[in-house]
mmCIF file of all heavy atoms, coordinates in Angstrom:
data_MODEL
# 
_entry.id   MODEL 
# 
loop_
_atom_site.group_PDB 
_atom_site.id 
_atom_site.type_symbol 
_atom_site.label_atom_id 
_atom_site.label_alt_id 
_atom_site.label_comp_id 
_atom_site.label_asym_id 
_atom_site.label_entity_id 
_atom_site.label_seq_id 
_atom_site.pdbx_PDB_ins_code 
_atom_site.Cartn_x 
_atom_site.Cartn_y 
_atom_site.Cartn_z 
_atom_site.occupancy 
_atom_site.B_iso_or_equiv 
_atom_site.pdbx_formal_charge 
_atom_site.auth_seq_id 
_atom_site.auth_comp_id 
_atom_site.auth_asym_id 
_atom_site.auth_atom_id 
_atom_site.pdbx_PDB_model_num 
ATOM 1   N N   . GLU A 1 1  ? -26.334 -2.996 -12.518 1.00 0.00 ? 1  GLU A N   1 
ATOM 2   C CA  . GLU A 1 1  ? -27.253 -2.867 -11.443 1.00 0.00 ? 1  GLU A CA  1 
ATOM 3   C C   . GLU A 1 1  ? -27.013 -1.526 -10.769 1.00 0.00 ? 1  GLU A C   1 
ATOM 4   O O   . GLU A 1 1  ? -27.992 -0.989 -10.156 1.00 0.00 ? 1  GLU A O   1 
ATOM 5   C CB  . GLU A 1 1  ? -27.061 -3.976 -10.493 1.00 0.00 ? 1  GLU A CB  1 
ATOM 6   C CG  . GLU A 1 1  ? -27.531 -5.365 -10.991 1.00 0.00 ? 1  GLU A CG  1 
ATOM 7   C CD  . GLU A 1 1  ? -27.448 -6.390 -9.953  1.00 0.00 ? 1  GLU A CD  1 
ATOM 8   O OE1 . GLU A 1 1  ? -27.085 -5.990 -8.751  1.00 0.00 ? 1  GLU A OE1 1 
ATOM 9   O OE2 . GLU A 1 1  ? -27.901 -7.535 -10.174 1.00 0.00 ? 1  GLU A OE2 1 
ATOM 10  N N   . ILE A 1 2  ? -25.873 -0.873 -10.790 1.00 0.00 ? 2  ILE A N   1 
ATOM 11  C CA  . ILE A 1 2  ? -25.609 0.313  -10.212 1.00 0.00 ? 2  ILE A CA  1 
ATOM 12  C C   . ILE A 1 2  ? -26.191 1.524  -10.948 1.00 0.00 ? 2  ILE A C   1 
ATOM 13  O O   . ILE A 1 2  ? -26.800 2.535  -10.412 1.00 0.00 ? 2  ILE A O   1 
ATOM 14  C CB  . ILE A 1 2  ? -24.134 0.491  -9.814  1.00 0.00 ? 2  ILE A CB  1 
ATOM 15  C CG1 . ILE A 1 2  ? -23.821 -0.592 -8.797  1.00 0.00 ? 2  ILE A CG1 1 
ATOM 16  C CG2 . ILE A 1 2  ? -23.829 1.881  -9.290  1.00 0.00 ? 2  ILE A CG2 1 
ATOM 17  C CD1 . ILE A 1 2  ? -22.321 -0.655 -8.461  1.00 0.00 ? 2  ILE A CD1 1 
ATOM 18  N N   . CYS A 1 3  ? -25.826 1.588  -12.233 1.00 0.00 ? 3  CYS A N   1 
ATOM 19  C CA  . CYS A 1 3  ? -26.293 2.620  -13.029 1.00 0.00 ? 3  CYS A CA  1 
ATOM 20  C C   . CYS A 1 3  ? -26.805 2.142  -14.428 1.00 0.00 ? 3  CYS A C   1 
ATOM 21  O O   . CYS A 1 3  ? -26.162 1.117  -14.895 1.00 0.00 ? 3  CYS A O   1 
ATOM 22  C CB  . CYS A 1 3  ? -25.276 3.756  -13.217 1.00 0.00 ? 3  CYS A CB  1 
ATOM 23  S SG  . CYS A 1 3  ? -23.933 3.453  -14.505 1.00 0.00 ? 3  CYS A SG  1 
ATOM 24  N N   . GLY A 1 4  ? -27.625 2.747  -15.103 1.00 0.00 ? 4  GLY A N   1 
ATOM 25  C CA  . GLY A 1 4  ? -27.950 2.480  -16.496 1.00 0.00 ? 4  GLY A CA  1 
ATOM 26  C C   . GLY A 1 4  ? -27.501 3.521  -17.415 1.00 0.00 ? 4  GLY A C   1 
ATOM 27  O O   . GLY A 1 4  ? -27.141 4.564  -17.099 1.00 0.00 ? 4  GLY A O   1 
ATOM 28  N N   . ILE A 1 5  ? -27.487 3.222  -18.718 1.00 0.00 ? 5  ILE A N   1 
ATOM 29  C CA  . ILE A 1 5  ? -27.068 4.054  -19.807 1.00 0.00 ? 5  ILE A CA  1 
ATOM 30  C C   . ILE A 1 5  ? -28.114 3.925  -21.011 1.00 0.00 ? 5  ILE A C   1 
ATOM 31  O O   . ILE A 1 5  ? -28.347 2.810  -21.425 1.00 0.00 ? 5  ILE A O   1 
ATOM 32  C CB  . ILE A 1 5  ? -25.672 3.943  -20.156 1.00 0.00 ? 5  ILE A CB  1 
ATOM 33  C CG1 . ILE A 1 5  ? -25.148 5.026  -21.078 1.00 0.00 ? 5  ILE A CG1 1 
ATOM 34  C CG2 . ILE A 1 5  ? -25.349 2.627  -20.709 1.00 0.00 ? 5  ILE A CG2 1 
ATOM 35  C CD1 . ILE A 1 5  ? -23.713 5.177  -21.232 1.00 0.00 ? 5  ILE A CD1 1 
ATOM 36  N N   . SER A 1 6  ? -28.562 5.112  -21.560 1.00 0.00 ? 6  SER A N   1 
ATOM 37  C CA  . SER A 1 6  ? -29.282 5.065  -22.745 1.00 0.00 ? 6  SER A CA  1 
ATOM 38  C C   . SER A 1 6  ? -28.873 6.190  -23.549 1.00 0.00 ? 6  SER A C   1 
ATOM 39  O O   . SER A 1 6  ? -29.066 7.498  -23.177 1.00 0.00 ? 6  SER A O   1 
ATOM 40  C CB  . SER A 1 6  ? -30.737 5.202  -22.498 1.00 0.00 ? 6  SER A CB  1 
ATOM 41  O OG  . SER A 1 6  ? -31.544 5.305  -23.559 1.00 0.00 ? 6  SER A OG  1 
ATOM 42  N N   . ASN A 1 7  ? -28.538 6.022  -24.763 1.00 0.00 ? 7  ASN A N   1 
ATOM 43  C CA  . ASN A 1 7  ? -27.951 7.074  -25.702 1.00 0.00 ? 7  ASN A CA  1 
ATOM 44  C C   . ASN A 1 7  ? -26.982 8.012  -25.144 1.00 0.00 ? 7  ASN A C   1 
ATOM 45  O O   . ASN A 1 7  ? -26.961 9.247  -25.304 1.00 0.00 ? 7  ASN A O   1 
ATOM 46  C CB  . ASN A 1 7  ? -29.180 7.809  -26.223 1.00 0.00 ? 7  ASN A CB  1 
ATOM 47  C CG  . ASN A 1 7  ? -30.114 7.076  -27.153 1.00 0.00 ? 7  ASN A CG  1 
ATOM 48  O OD1 . ASN A 1 7  ? -29.616 6.166  -27.856 1.00 0.00 ? 7  ASN A OD1 1 
ATOM 49  N ND2 . ASN A 1 7  ? -31.383 7.311  -26.989 1.00 0.00 ? 7  ASN A ND2 1 
ATOM 50  N N   . GLY A 1 8  ? -26.240 7.403  -24.263 1.00 0.00 ? 8  GLY A N   1 
ATOM 51  C CA  . GLY A 1 8  ? -24.984 8.128  -23.662 1.00 0.00 ? 8  GLY A CA  1 
ATOM 52  C C   . GLY A 1 8  ? -25.483 8.903  -22.383 1.00 0.00 ? 8  GLY A C   1 
ATOM 53  O O   . GLY A 1 8  ? -24.502 9.750  -21.884 1.00 0.00 ? 8  GLY A O   1 
ATOM 54  N N   . VAL A 1 9  ? -26.637 8.781  -21.913 1.00 0.00 ? 9  VAL A N   1 
ATOM 55  C CA  . VAL A 1 9  ? -27.125 9.405  -20.713 1.00 0.00 ? 9  VAL A CA  1 
ATOM 56  C C   . VAL A 1 9  ? -27.291 8.432  -19.523 1.00 0.00 ? 9  VAL A C   1 
ATOM 57  O O   . VAL A 1 9  ? -27.952 7.388  -19.711 1.00 0.00 ? 9  VAL A O   1 
ATOM 58  C CB  . VAL A 1 9  ? -28.519 9.964  -20.953 1.00 0.00 ? 9  VAL A CB  1 
ATOM 59  C CG1 . VAL A 1 9  ? -29.015 10.646 -19.774 1.00 0.00 ? 9  VAL A CG1 1 
ATOM 60  C CG2 . VAL A 1 9  ? -28.499 10.983 -22.314 1.00 0.00 ? 9  VAL A CG2 1 
ATOM 61  N N   . LEU A 1 10 ? -26.555 8.819  -18.440 1.00 0.00 ? 10 LEU A N   1 
ATOM 62  C CA  . LEU A 1 10 ? -26.543 7.900  -17.270 1.00 0.00 ? 10 LEU A CA  1 
ATOM 63  C C   . LEU A 1 10 ? -27.604 8.192  -16.318 1.00 0.00 ? 10 LEU A C   1 
ATOM 64  O O   . LEU A 1 10 ? -27.945 9.290  -16.215 1.00 0.00 ? 10 LEU A O   1 
ATOM 65  C CB  . LEU A 1 10 ? -25.098 8.064  -16.626 1.00 0.00 ? 10 LEU A CB  1 
ATOM 66  C CG  . LEU A 1 10 ? -23.823 7.657  -17.359 1.00 0.00 ? 10 LEU A CG  1 
ATOM 67  C CD1 . LEU A 1 10 ? -22.703 8.100  -16.476 1.00 0.00 ? 10 LEU A CD1 1 
ATOM 68  C CD2 . LEU A 1 10 ? -23.851 6.167  -17.536 1.00 0.00 ? 10 LEU A CD2 1 
ATOM 69  N N   . SER A 1 11 ? -28.103 7.182  -15.604 1.00 0.00 ? 11 SER A N   1 
ATOM 70  C CA  . SER A 1 11 ? -28.999 7.274  -14.582 1.00 0.00 ? 11 SER A CA  1 
ATOM 71  C C   . SER A 1 11 ? -28.696 6.337  -13.450 1.00 0.00 ? 11 SER A C   1 
ATOM 72  O O   . SER A 1 11 ? -28.228 5.145  -13.680 1.00 0.00 ? 11 SER A O   1 
ATOM 73  C CB  . SER A 1 11 ? -30.458 6.970  -15.115 1.00 0.00 ? 11 SER A CB  1 
ATOM 74  O OG  . SER A 1 11 ? -30.471 5.671  -15.680 1.00 0.00 ? 11 SER A OG  1 
ATOM 75  N N   . GLY A 1 12 ? -28.621 6.906  -12.185 1.00 0.00 ? 12 GLY A N   1 
ATOM 76  C CA  . GLY A 1 12 ? -28.392 5.986  -11.037 1.00 0.00 ? 12 GLY A CA  1 
ATOM 77  C C   . GLY A 1 12 ? -29.513 5.034  -10.731 1.00 0.00 ? 12 GLY A C   1 
ATOM 78  O O   . GLY A 1 12 ? -30.667 5.412  -10.558 1.00 0.00 ? 12 GLY A O   1 
ATOM 79  N N   . LEU A 1 13 ? -29.168 3.849  -10.383 1.00 0.00 ? 13 LEU A N   1 
ATOM 80  C CA  . LEU A 1 13 ? -30.147 2.741  -10.038 1.00 0.00 ? 13 LEU A CA  1 
ATOM 81  C C   . LEU A 1 13 ? -30.045 2.187  -8.720  1.00 0.00 ? 13 LEU A C   1 
ATOM 82  O O   . LEU A 1 13 ? -31.006 2.139  -7.927  1.00 0.00 ? 13 LEU A O   1 
ATOM 83  C CB  . LEU A 1 13 ? -30.021 1.635  -10.967 1.00 0.00 ? 13 LEU A CB  1 
ATOM 84  C CG  . LEU A 1 13 ? -30.135 1.779  -12.541 1.00 0.00 ? 13 LEU A CG  1 
ATOM 85  C CD1 . LEU A 1 13 ? -29.939 0.751  -13.353 1.00 0.00 ? 13 LEU A CD1 1 
ATOM 86  C CD2 . LEU A 1 13 ? -31.440 2.484  -12.892 1.00 0.00 ? 13 LEU A CD2 1 
ATOM 87  N N   . LYS A 1 14 ? -28.743 2.129  -8.090  1.00 0.00 ? 14 LYS A N   1 
ATOM 88  C CA  . LYS A 1 14 ? -28.593 1.584  -6.766  1.00 0.00 ? 14 LYS A CA  1 
ATOM 89  C C   . LYS A 1 14 ? -27.277 2.143  -6.121  1.00 0.00 ? 14 LYS A C   1 
ATOM 90  O O   . LYS A 1 14 ? -26.290 2.388  -7.012  1.00 0.00 ? 14 LYS A O   1 
ATOM 91  C CB  . LYS A 1 14 ? -28.533 0.102  -6.916  1.00 0.00 ? 14 LYS A CB  1 
ATOM 92  C CG  . LYS A 1 14 ? -28.464 -0.638 -5.477  1.00 0.00 ? 14 LYS A CG  1 
ATOM 93  C CD  . LYS A 1 14 ? -28.421 -2.132 -5.710  1.00 0.00 ? 14 LYS A CD  1 
ATOM 94  C CE  . LYS A 1 14 ? -26.971 -2.716 -6.259  1.00 0.00 ? 14 LYS A CE  1 
ATOM 95  N NZ  . LYS A 1 14 ? -26.834 -4.111 -6.165  1.00 0.00 ? 14 LYS A NZ  1 
ATOM 96  N N   . ASN A 1 15 ? -27.186 2.234  -4.881  1.00 0.00 ? 15 ASN A N   1 
ATOM 97  C CA  . ASN A 1 15 ? -25.949 2.908  -4.283  1.00 0.00 ? 15 ASN A CA  1 
ATOM 98  C C   . ASN A 1 15 ? -24.749 1.953  -4.623  1.00 0.00 ? 15 ASN A C   1 
ATOM 99  O O   . ASN A 1 15 ? -24.832 0.780  -4.531  1.00 0.00 ? 15 ASN A O   1 
ATOM 100 C CB  . ASN A 1 15 ? -26.105 2.900  -2.871  1.00 0.00 ? 15 ASN A CB  1 
ATOM 101 C CG  . ASN A 1 15 ? -27.087 4.046  -2.406  1.00 0.00 ? 15 ASN A CG  1 
ATOM 102 O OD1 . ASN A 1 15 ? -27.300 4.852  -3.176  1.00 0.00 ? 15 ASN A OD1 1 
ATOM 103 N ND2 . ASN A 1 15 ? -27.574 3.981  -1.157  1.00 0.00 ? 15 ASN A ND2 1 
ATOM 104 N N   . GLY A 1 16 ? -23.631 2.544  -4.916  1.00 0.00 ? 16 GLY A N   1 
ATOM 105 C CA  . GLY A 1 16 ? -22.499 1.804  -5.407  1.00 0.00 ? 16 GLY A CA  1 
ATOM 106 C C   . GLY A 1 16 ? -21.513 2.588  -6.254  1.00 0.00 ? 16 GLY A C   1 
ATOM 107 O O   . GLY A 1 16 ? -21.794 3.737  -6.605  1.00 0.00 ? 16 GLY A O   1 
ATOM 108 N N   . VAL A 1 17 ? -20.488 1.910  -6.580  1.00 0.00 ? 17 VAL A N   1 
ATOM 109 C CA  . VAL A 1 17 ? -19.431 2.488  -7.583  1.00 0.00 ? 17 VAL A CA  1 
ATOM 110 C C   . VAL A 1 17 ? -19.345 1.579  -8.707  1.00 0.00 ? 17 VAL A C   1 
ATOM 111 O O   . VAL A 1 17 ? -19.214 0.176  -8.515  1.00 0.00 ? 17 VAL A O   1 
ATOM 112 C CB  . VAL A 1 17 ? -18.161 2.744  -6.782  1.00 0.00 ? 17 VAL A CB  1 
ATOM 113 C CG1 . VAL A 1 17 ? -17.065 3.332  -7.750  1.00 0.00 ? 17 VAL A CG1 1 
ATOM 114 C CG2 . VAL A 1 17 ? -18.457 3.653  -5.636  1.00 0.00 ? 17 VAL A CG2 1 
ATOM 115 N N   . THR A 1 18 ? -19.257 2.083  -9.875  1.00 0.00 ? 18 THR A N   1 
ATOM 116 C CA  . THR A 1 18 ? -18.882 1.197  -11.163 1.00 0.00 ? 18 THR A CA  1 
ATOM 117 C C   . THR A 1 18 ? -18.208 2.083  -12.114 1.00 0.00 ? 18 THR A C   1 
ATOM 118 O O   . THR A 1 18 ? -17.876 3.308  -11.892 1.00 0.00 ? 18 THR A O   1 
ATOM 119 C CB  . THR A 1 18 ? -20.247 0.754  -11.671 1.00 0.00 ? 18 THR A CB  1 
ATOM 120 O OG1 . THR A 1 18 ? -19.910 -0.249 -12.827 1.00 0.00 ? 18 THR A OG1 1 
ATOM 121 C CG2 . THR A 1 18 ? -21.113 1.862  -12.251 1.00 0.00 ? 18 THR A CG2 1 
ATOM 122 N N   . THR A 1 19 ? -17.915 1.505  -13.158 1.00 0.00 ? 19 THR A N   1 
ATOM 123 C CA  . THR A 1 19 ? -17.179 2.177  -14.299 1.00 0.00 ? 19 THR A CA  1 
ATOM 124 C C   . THR A 1 19 ? -17.945 2.044  -15.694 1.00 0.00 ? 19 THR A C   1 
ATOM 125 O O   . THR A 1 19 ? -18.417 0.996  -15.942 1.00 0.00 ? 19 THR A O   1 
ATOM 126 C CB  . THR A 1 19 ? -15.862 1.610  -14.455 1.00 0.00 ? 19 THR A CB  1 
ATOM 127 O OG1 . THR A 1 19 ? -15.102 1.701  -13.210 1.00 0.00 ? 19 THR A OG1 1 
ATOM 128 C CG2 . THR A 1 19 ? -14.977 2.342  -15.525 1.00 0.00 ? 19 THR A CG2 1 
ATOM 129 N N   . VAL A 1 20 ? -18.035 3.172  -16.299 1.00 0.00 ? 20 VAL A N   1 
ATOM 130 C CA  . VAL A 1 20 ? -18.498 3.209  -17.719 1.00 0.00 ? 20 VAL A CA  1 
ATOM 131 C C   . VAL A 1 20 ? -17.450 3.411  -18.687 1.00 0.00 ? 20 VAL A C   1 
ATOM 132 O O   . VAL A 1 20 ? -16.605 4.277  -18.549 1.00 0.00 ? 20 VAL A O   1 
ATOM 133 C CB  . VAL A 1 20 ? -19.643 4.239  -17.820 1.00 0.00 ? 20 VAL A CB  1 
ATOM 134 C CG1 . VAL A 1 20 ? -20.219 4.372  -19.206 1.00 0.00 ? 20 VAL A CG1 1 
ATOM 135 C CG2 . VAL A 1 20 ? -20.695 4.178  -16.746 1.00 0.00 ? 20 VAL A CG2 1 
ATOM 136 N N   . THR A 1 21 ? -17.393 2.645  -19.721 1.00 0.00 ? 21 THR A N   1 
ATOM 137 C CA  . THR A 1 21 ? -16.411 2.752  -20.766 1.00 0.00 ? 21 THR A CA  1 
ATOM 138 C C   . THR A 1 21 ? -17.056 2.967  -22.041 1.00 0.00 ? 21 THR A C   1 
ATOM 139 O O   . THR A 1 21 ? -18.053 2.221  -22.445 1.00 0.00 ? 21 THR A O   1 
ATOM 140 C CB  . THR A 1 21 ? -15.412 1.375  -20.812 1.00 0.00 ? 21 THR A CB  1 
ATOM 141 O OG1 . THR A 1 21 ? -14.994 1.222  -19.562 1.00 0.00 ? 21 THR A OG1 1 
ATOM 142 C CG2 . THR A 1 21 ? -14.418 1.669  -21.826 1.00 0.00 ? 21 THR A CG2 1 
ATOM 143 N N   . GLY A 1 22 ? -16.514 3.864  -22.900 1.00 0.00 ? 22 GLY A N   1 
ATOM 144 C CA  . GLY A 1 22 ? -17.017 4.026  -24.244 1.00 0.00 ? 22 GLY A CA  1 
ATOM 145 C C   . GLY A 1 22 ? -15.857 3.936  -25.242 1.00 0.00 ? 22 GLY A C   1 
ATOM 146 O O   . GLY A 1 22 ? -14.767 4.254  -25.021 1.00 0.00 ? 22 GLY A O   1 
ATOM 147 N N   . LYS A 1 23 ? -16.259 3.462  -26.478 1.00 0.00 ? 23 LYS A N   1 
ATOM 148 C CA  . LYS A 1 23 ? -15.310 3.468  -27.595 1.00 0.00 ? 23 LYS A CA  1 
ATOM 149 C C   . LYS A 1 23 ? -15.938 4.002  -28.760 1.00 0.00 ? 23 LYS A C   1 
ATOM 150 O O   . LYS A 1 23 ? -17.034 3.905  -29.117 1.00 0.00 ? 23 LYS A O   1 
ATOM 151 C CB  . LYS A 1 23 ? -15.053 1.954  -27.882 1.00 0.00 ? 23 LYS A CB  1 
ATOM 152 C CG  . LYS A 1 23 ? -14.282 1.271  -26.660 1.00 0.00 ? 23 LYS A CG  1 
ATOM 153 C CD  . LYS A 1 23 ? -13.971 -0.216 -27.074 1.00 0.00 ? 23 LYS A CD  1 
ATOM 154 C CE  . LYS A 1 23 ? -13.181 -0.771 -25.873 1.00 0.00 ? 23 LYS A CE  1 
ATOM 155 N NZ  . LYS A 1 23 ? -12.901 -2.230 -26.215 1.00 0.00 ? 23 LYS A NZ  1 
ATOM 156 N N   . LEU A 1 24 ? -15.083 4.797  -29.456 1.00 0.00 ? 24 LEU A N   1 
ATOM 157 C CA  . LEU A 1 24 ? -15.418 5.415  -30.809 1.00 0.00 ? 24 LEU A CA  1 
ATOM 158 C C   . LEU A 1 24 ? -14.177 5.558  -31.683 1.00 0.00 ? 24 LEU A C   1 
ATOM 159 O O   . LEU A 1 24 ? -13.220 6.261  -31.394 1.00 0.00 ? 24 LEU A O   1 
ATOM 160 C CB  . LEU A 1 24 ? -16.033 6.845  -30.517 1.00 0.00 ? 24 LEU A CB  1 
ATOM 161 C CG  . LEU A 1 24 ? -16.461 7.710  -31.722 1.00 0.00 ? 24 LEU A CG  1 
ATOM 162 C CD1 . LEU A 1 24 ? -17.432 6.965  -32.598 1.00 0.00 ? 24 LEU A CD1 1 
ATOM 163 C CD2 . LEU A 1 24 ? -16.857 9.088  -31.328 1.00 0.00 ? 24 LEU A CD2 1 
ATOM 164 N N   . ASP A 1 25 ? -14.197 4.776  -32.802 1.00 0.00 ? 25 ASP A N   1 
ATOM 165 C CA  . ASP A 1 25 ? -12.933 4.641  -33.643 1.00 0.00 ? 25 ASP A CA  1 
ATOM 166 C C   . ASP A 1 25 ? -11.747 4.355  -32.899 1.00 0.00 ? 25 ASP A C   1 
ATOM 167 O O   . ASP A 1 25 ? -11.876 3.356  -32.239 1.00 0.00 ? 25 ASP A O   1 
ATOM 168 C CB  . ASP A 1 25 ? -12.856 6.086  -34.428 1.00 0.00 ? 25 ASP A CB  1 
ATOM 169 C CG  . ASP A 1 25 ? -13.936 6.364  -35.393 1.00 0.00 ? 25 ASP A CG  1 
ATOM 170 O OD1 . ASP A 1 25 ? -14.780 5.461  -35.696 1.00 0.00 ? 25 ASP A OD1 1 
ATOM 171 O OD2 . ASP A 1 25 ? -14.160 7.476  -35.722 1.00 0.00 ? 25 ASP A OD2 1 
ATOM 172 N N   . ASP A 1 26 ? -10.876 5.311  -32.799 1.00 0.00 ? 26 ASP A N   1 
ATOM 173 C CA  . ASP A 1 26 ? -9.568  5.051  -32.138 1.00 0.00 ? 26 ASP A CA  1 
ATOM 174 C C   . ASP A 1 26 ? -9.690  5.418  -30.537 1.00 0.00 ? 26 ASP A C   1 
ATOM 175 O O   . ASP A 1 26 ? -8.664  5.328  -29.845 1.00 0.00 ? 26 ASP A O   1 
ATOM 176 C CB  . ASP A 1 26 ? -8.233  5.577  -32.758 1.00 0.00 ? 26 ASP A CB  1 
ATOM 177 C CG  . ASP A 1 26 ? -8.065  5.026  -34.144 1.00 0.00 ? 26 ASP A CG  1 
ATOM 178 O OD1 . ASP A 1 26 ? -8.376  3.874  -34.343 1.00 0.00 ? 26 ASP A OD1 1 
ATOM 179 O OD2 . ASP A 1 26 ? -7.474  5.705  -35.059 1.00 0.00 ? 26 ASP A OD2 1 
ATOM 180 N N   . PHE A 1 27 ? -10.803 6.072  -30.274 1.00 0.00 ? 27 PHE A N   1 
ATOM 181 C CA  . PHE A 1 27 ? -10.916 6.550  -28.884 1.00 0.00 ? 27 PHE A CA  1 
ATOM 182 C C   . PHE A 1 27 ? -11.412 5.575  -27.861 1.00 0.00 ? 27 PHE A C   1 
ATOM 183 O O   . PHE A 1 27 ? -12.424 4.993  -28.154 1.00 0.00 ? 27 PHE A O   1 
ATOM 184 C CB  . PHE A 1 27 ? -11.779 7.960  -28.933 1.00 0.00 ? 27 PHE A CB  1 
ATOM 185 C CG  . PHE A 1 27 ? -12.212 8.321  -27.626 1.00 0.00 ? 27 PHE A CG  1 
ATOM 186 C CD1 . PHE A 1 27 ? -11.311 8.950  -26.678 1.00 0.00 ? 27 PHE A CD1 1 
ATOM 187 C CD2 . PHE A 1 27 ? -13.554 8.047  -27.215 1.00 0.00 ? 27 PHE A CD2 1 
ATOM 188 C CE1 . PHE A 1 27 ? -11.828 9.475  -25.466 1.00 0.00 ? 27 PHE A CE1 1 
ATOM 189 C CE2 . PHE A 1 27 ? -14.014 8.485  -25.981 1.00 0.00 ? 27 PHE A CE2 1 
ATOM 190 C CZ  . PHE A 1 27 ? -13.111 9.178  -25.089 1.00 0.00 ? 27 PHE A CZ  1 
# 
C-alpha cells in the first residue's frame, strides 16, 4: 500500500515506510 514496483521500478503510493527485498540466484 505504501509503494508499488513494476519491472524493478518503484513508485510511491502512500505516506509511510516499508522495505523492498529482491532475490537473484545467490543474491
